[in-house]
Amino acid sequence: MKLKETQLSAEFLSAVQKCAGEVYFDTSAGDHLNLKSELSELVFTVIINKLDALDYHITFEARDSDIIGKYLV
């Protein structure tokens, strides 16, 4: 899944912290960031405005879909 709107990144990252399971940002280049990690969150906020140029997807556990699903397409 991908992020619907990059301007909601702060809300999205706040929702990620509420998830019971892990949430990952994966790129086709092999990058694998755990968005619940503070360092990965920092990296994500730096690249958020360049997401259109990246081939990526966000994965999460099904039990957390009600928390972060509204931010993803």
C-alpha atoms as a PDB file:
ATOM      1  CA  MET A   1       0.000   0.000   0.000  1.00  0.00           C
ATOM      2  CA  LYS A   2       1.085   3.582  -0.532  1.00  0.00           C
ATOM      3  CA  LEU A   3       0.514   6.805   1.379  1.00  0.00           C
ATOM      4  CA  LYS A   4      -2.568   8.718   0.166  1.00  0.00           C
ATOM      5  CA  GLU A   5      -1.342  12.231   0.919  1.00  0.00           C
ATOM      6  CA  THR A   6       2.191  13.157   1.913  1.00  0.00           C
ATOM      7  CA  GLN A   7       0.986  16.271   3.761  1.00  0.00           C
ATOM      8  CA  LEU A   8      -0.581  13.945   6.338  1.00  0.00           C
ATOM      9  CA  SER A   9       2.770  12.375   7.185  1.00  0.00           C
ATOM     10  CA  ALA A  10       2.802  13.629  10.807  1.00  0.00           C
ATOM     11  CA  GLU A  11      -0.670  12.188  11.396  1.00  0.00           C
ATOM     12  CA  PHE A  12       0.332   8.950   9.694  1.00  0.00           C
ATOM     13  CA  LEU A  13       3.480   8.556  11.803  1.00  0.00           C
ATOM     14  CA  SER A  14       1.477   9.269  14.948  1.00  0.00           C
ATOM     15  CA  ALA A  15      -0.965   6.531  13.942  1.00  0.00           C
ATOM     16  CA  VAL A  16       1.945   4.157  13.264  1.00  0.00           C
ATOM     17  CA  GLN A  17       3.042   4.518  16.891  1.00  0.00           C
ATOM     18  CA  LYS A  18      -0.425   3.389  18.018  1.00  0.00           C
ATOM     19  CA  CYS A  19      -0.235   0.151  16.030  1.00  0.00           C
ATOM     20  CA  ALA A  20       0.158  -3.082  17.977  1.00  0.00           C
ATOM     21  CA  GLY A  21       2.352  -4.616  15.268  1.00  0.00           C
ATOM     22  CA  GLU A  22       5.241  -3.354  13.197  1.00  0.00           C
ATOM     23  CA  VAL A  23       4.814  -1.069  10.174  1.00  0.00           C
ATOM     24  CA  TYR A  24       7.415  -1.158   7.404  1.00  0.00           C
ATOM     25  CA  PHE A  25       8.378   1.130   4.538  1.00  0.00           C
ATOM     26  CA  ASP A  26       9.949  -0.991   1.789  1.00  0.00           C
ATOM     27  CA  THR A  27      11.462   0.151  -1.502  1.00  0.00           C
ATOM     28  CA  SER A  28      12.186  -1.778  -4.667  1.00  0.00           C
ATOM     29  CA  ALA A  29      15.885  -1.061  -4.036  1.00  0.00           C
ATOM     30  CA  GLY A  30      15.719  -3.303  -0.977  1.00  0.00           C
ATOM     31  CA  ASP A  31      15.406  -0.683   1.750  1.00  0.00           C
ATOM     32  CA  HIS A  32      13.366  -1.920   4.722  1.00  0.00           C
ATOM     33  CA  LEU A  33      12.532   0.662   7.395  1.00  0.00           C
ATOM     34  CA  ASN A  34      10.587  -0.085  10.559  1.00  0.00           C
ATOM     35  CA  LEU A  35       8.499   3.091  10.916  1.00  0.00           C
ATOM     36  CA  LYS A  36       8.134   2.548  14.658  1.00  0.00           C
ATOM     37  CA  SER A  37      11.883   3.178  14.989  1.00  0.00           C
ATOM     38  CA  GLU A  38      12.862   6.786  15.703  1.00  0.00           C
ATOM     39  CA  LEU A  39      15.765   6.677  13.235  1.00  0.00           C
ATOM     40  CA  SER A  40      13.616   5.191  10.470  1.00  0.00           C
ATOM     41  CA  GLU A  41      10.911   7.762  11.188  1.00  0.00           C
ATOM     42  CA  LEU A  42      13.486  10.526  10.716  1.00  0.00           C
ATOM     43  CA  VAL A  43      14.650   9.048   7.409  1.00  0.00           C
ATOM     44  CA  PHE A  44      11.010   8.718   6.286  1.00  0.00           C
ATOM     45  CA  THR A  45      10.264  12.381   7.073  1.00  0.00           C
ATOM     46  CA  VAL A  46      13.275  13.444   5.000  1.00  0.00           C
ATOM     47  CA  ILE A  47      12.162  11.490   1.905  1.00  0.00           C
ATOM     48  CA  ILE A  48       8.393  12.030   2.260  1.00  0.00           C
ATOM     49  CA  ASN A  49       8.333  14.738  -0.420  1.00  0.00           C
ATOM     50  CA  LYS A  50      10.101  12.445  -2.904  1.00  0.00           C
ATOM     51  CA  LEU A  51       7.740   9.484  -2.596  1.00  0.00           C
ATOM     52  CA  ASP A  52       6.381   9.999  -6.109  1.00  0.00           C
ATOM     53  CA  ALA A  53       9.835   9.165  -7.481  1.00  0.00           C
ATOM     54  CA  LEU A  54      10.159   5.979  -5.417  1.00  0.00           C
ATOM     55  CA  ASP A  55       8.783   2.513  -5.984  1.00  0.00           C
ATOM     56  CA  TYR A  56       7.708   1.661  -2.444  1.00  0.00           C
ATOM     57  CA  HIS A  57       5.033   0.034  -0.346  1.00  0.00           C
ATOM     58  CA  ILE A  58       4.005   0.140   3.282  1.00  0.00           C
ATOM     59  CA  THR A  59       3.236  -3.122   5.037  1.00  0.00           C
ATOM     60  CA  PHE A  60       1.539  -3.673   8.365  1.00  0.00           C
ATOM     61  CA  GLU A  61      -0.323  -6.323  10.299  1.00  0.00           C
ATOM     62  CA  ALA A  62      -4.002  -6.780   9.464  1.00  0.00           C
ATOM     63  CA  ARG A  63      -5.043  -6.086  13.059  1.00  0.00           C
ATOM     64  CA  ASP A  64      -3.799  -2.493  12.631  1.00  0.00           C
ATOM     65  CA  SER A  65      -5.728  -1.713   9.441  1.00  0.00           C
ATOM     66  CA  ASP A  66      -8.342   0.289  11.352  1.00  0.00           C
ATOM     67  CA  ILE A  67      -5.573   2.548  12.733  1.00  0.00           C
ATOM     68  CA  ILE A  68      -3.524   3.316   9.610  1.00  0.00           C
ATOM     69  CA  GLY A  69      -5.659   2.052   6.747  1.00  0.00           C
ATOM     70  CA  LYS A  70      -7.270   5.455   6.186  1.00  0.00           C
ATOM     71  CA  TYR A  71      -3.863   6.938   5.293  1.00  0.00           C
ATOM     72  CA  LEU A  72      -3.091   4.329   2.614  1.00  0.00           C
ATOM     73  CA  VAL A  73      -4.269   3.360  -0.870  1.00  0.00           C
END
